[in-house]
Amino acid sequence: MNPINTQNIKIGLIGELLVQLNLLQYGIQAAPPLIDTGNDLIAIHNNVIKAIQVKTTKIKRFPIKPKRMYHILAVVVLTTIDEKFIWEKAQIYLYNKNEIDQDQKPKFDENHIISEKTLNFLFYN
């Protein structure tokens, strides 16, 4: 079989899968689109559909702002020990694209960590 070409592809896919699994815990279905147009996941909750851009990192730093169209930016911070990912320690932060576009320095804080409250705000406001 063909190998995964780069560590960045591997880390990115892990981040997308972690976001997908965490969204499912909150009753939100998410899947990658058939064609990669820049949105990593399309998420559905009740009758609301959101495009999600996922950025994954191993250190708490804010990634460069994606220039693509999306509704929600998910930043996944992975923890590793001896180059192995510790899934239960991964942190997922969610941001509304408007926050990112206002050139504010988004924060890694409790207001952005994935939760029912954060998801309800992002899907219904």
Protein backbone atom coordinates (compact mmCIF):
# COMPACT_ATOMS: atom_id res chain seq x y z
CA MET A 1 0.00 0.00 0.00
CA ASN A 2 1.06 3.59 -0.48
CA PRO A 3 2.70 5.22 2.56
CA ILE A 4 1.55 8.45 4.17
CA ASN A 5 3.92 10.92 2.51
CA THR A 6 4.62 13.38 5.31
CA GLN A 7 4.34 13.79 9.07
CA ASN A 8 2.23 16.93 8.45
CA ILE A 9 -0.38 14.92 6.54
CA LYS A 10 -0.47 12.35 9.34
CA ILE A 11 -0.82 15.01 12.08
CA GLY A 12 -3.48 16.87 10.09
CA LEU A 13 -5.57 13.75 9.56
CA ILE A 14 -5.31 12.83 13.25
CA GLY A 15 -6.60 16.31 14.14
CA GLU A 16 -9.53 16.02 11.73
CA LEU A 17 -10.50 12.61 13.11
CA LEU A 18 -10.30 13.87 16.72
CA VAL A 19 -12.59 16.80 15.86
CA GLN A 20 -14.99 14.45 14.09
CA LEU A 21 -15.13 12.08 17.09
CA ASN A 22 -15.59 14.90 19.59
CA LEU A 23 -18.38 16.48 17.55
CA LEU A 24 -20.16 13.12 17.47
CA GLN A 25 -20.20 13.12 21.29
CA TYR A 26 -22.30 16.31 21.09
CA GLY A 27 -24.71 14.89 18.51
CA ILE A 28 -23.09 16.65 15.55
CA GLN A 29 -22.43 14.63 12.41
CA ALA A 30 -19.28 15.61 10.53
CA ALA A 31 -17.52 14.20 7.50
CA PRO A 32 -14.89 15.31 5.01
CA PRO A 33 -16.28 16.46 1.66
CA LEU A 34 -15.81 14.21 -1.37
CA ILE A 35 -13.57 16.78 -3.03
CA ASP A 36 -10.95 18.71 -1.04
CA THR A 37 -11.89 22.33 -1.60
CA GLY A 38 -10.29 23.59 1.60
CA ASN A 39 -12.98 22.68 4.08
CA ASP A 40 -11.80 19.79 6.19
CA LEU A 41 -15.21 18.82 7.58
CA ILE A 42 -18.84 19.58 6.86
CA ALA A 43 -20.84 19.39 10.10
CA ILE A 44 -24.60 19.06 10.58
CA HIS A 45 -26.54 19.75 13.78
CA ASN A 46 -30.33 19.66 13.52
CA ASN A 47 -30.93 21.76 10.39
CA VAL A 48 -27.71 23.84 10.55
CA ILE A 49 -24.71 23.06 8.34
CA LYS A 50 -21.23 24.48 9.03
CA ALA A 51 -17.92 24.18 7.19
CA ILE A 52 -15.02 23.51 9.55
CA GLN A 53 -11.34 24.22 8.94
CA VAL A 54 -9.07 22.11 11.17
CA LYS A 55 -5.51 23.10 12.09
CA THR A 56 -3.43 20.71 14.20
CA THR A 57 -0.30 21.51 16.17
CA LYS A 58 1.88 19.90 18.84
CA ILE A 59 2.49 23.18 20.67
CA LYS A 60 0.06 25.86 21.83
CA ARG A 61 0.55 28.36 19.07
CA PHE A 62 -2.04 29.87 16.88
CA PRO A 63 -1.71 28.72 13.27
CA ILE A 64 -1.56 31.13 10.37
CA LYS A 65 -5.03 32.32 9.48
CA PRO A 66 -6.49 30.19 6.72
CA LYS A 67 -7.54 32.27 3.72
CA ARG A 68 -10.27 29.87 2.70
CA MET A 69 -13.98 30.20 3.34
CA TYR A 70 -15.26 28.35 6.41
CA HIS A 71 -17.55 28.98 9.40
CA ILE A 72 -15.61 27.43 12.29
CA LEU A 73 -11.88 27.06 12.88
CA ALA A 74 -10.94 24.08 15.05
CA VAL A 75 -7.41 24.14 16.48
CA VAL A 76 -6.26 20.78 17.83
CA VAL A 77 -3.30 20.76 20.23
CA LEU A 78 -1.78 17.28 20.38
CA THR A 79 0.29 15.90 23.24
CA THR A 80 3.04 13.38 22.49
CA ILE A 81 5.26 11.20 24.62
CA ASP A 82 8.15 9.51 22.84
CA GLU A 83 6.59 10.49 19.48
CA LYS A 84 3.31 8.72 20.37
CA PHE A 85 0.10 10.74 20.53
CA ILE A 86 -1.80 10.70 23.83
CA TRP A 87 -5.39 10.99 22.56
CA GLU A 88 -7.03 11.77 25.89
CA LYS A 89 -4.77 14.80 26.38
CA ALA A 90 -5.56 16.41 23.01
CA GLN A 91 -7.27 19.78 23.37
CA ILE A 92 -9.69 21.17 20.79
CA TYR A 93 -10.37 24.91 20.58
CA LEU A 94 -13.14 26.34 18.40
CA TYR A 95 -13.38 29.83 16.89
CA ASN A 96 -15.95 31.63 14.77
CA LYS A 97 -14.41 32.80 11.50
CA ASN A 98 -15.47 36.38 12.30
CA GLU A 99 -13.19 36.27 15.34
CA ILE A 100 -10.28 35.27 13.15
CA ASP A 101 -11.07 37.86 10.48
CA GLN A 102 -11.03 40.73 13.00
CA ASP A 103 -7.25 40.25 13.39
CA GLN A 104 -7.62 39.64 17.09
CA LYS A 105 -5.10 37.31 18.66
CA PRO A 106 -7.39 34.38 19.53
CA LYS A 107 -6.76 32.85 22.92
CA PHE A 108 -6.45 29.29 24.09
CA ASP A 109 -8.95 29.66 26.93
CA GLU A 110 -12.00 27.99 28.44
CA ASN A 111 -14.34 30.08 26.28
CA HIS A 112 -13.01 28.34 23.17
CA ILE A 113 -12.49 24.78 24.36
CA ILE A 114 -14.91 22.34 22.74
CA SER A 115 -18.07 22.04 24.83
CA GLU A 116 -21.83 21.97 24.38
CA LYS A 117 -22.00 25.68 25.23
CA THR A 118 -19.30 26.61 22.69
CA LEU A 119 -20.86 24.47 19.96
CA ASN A 120 -24.35 25.86 20.54
CA PHE A 121 -22.95 29.39 20.26
CA LEU A 122 -21.05 28.59 17.05
CA PHE A 123 -23.94 26.77 15.38
CA TYR A 124 -26.82 29.06 16.39
CA ASN A 125 -25.41 32.62 16.63
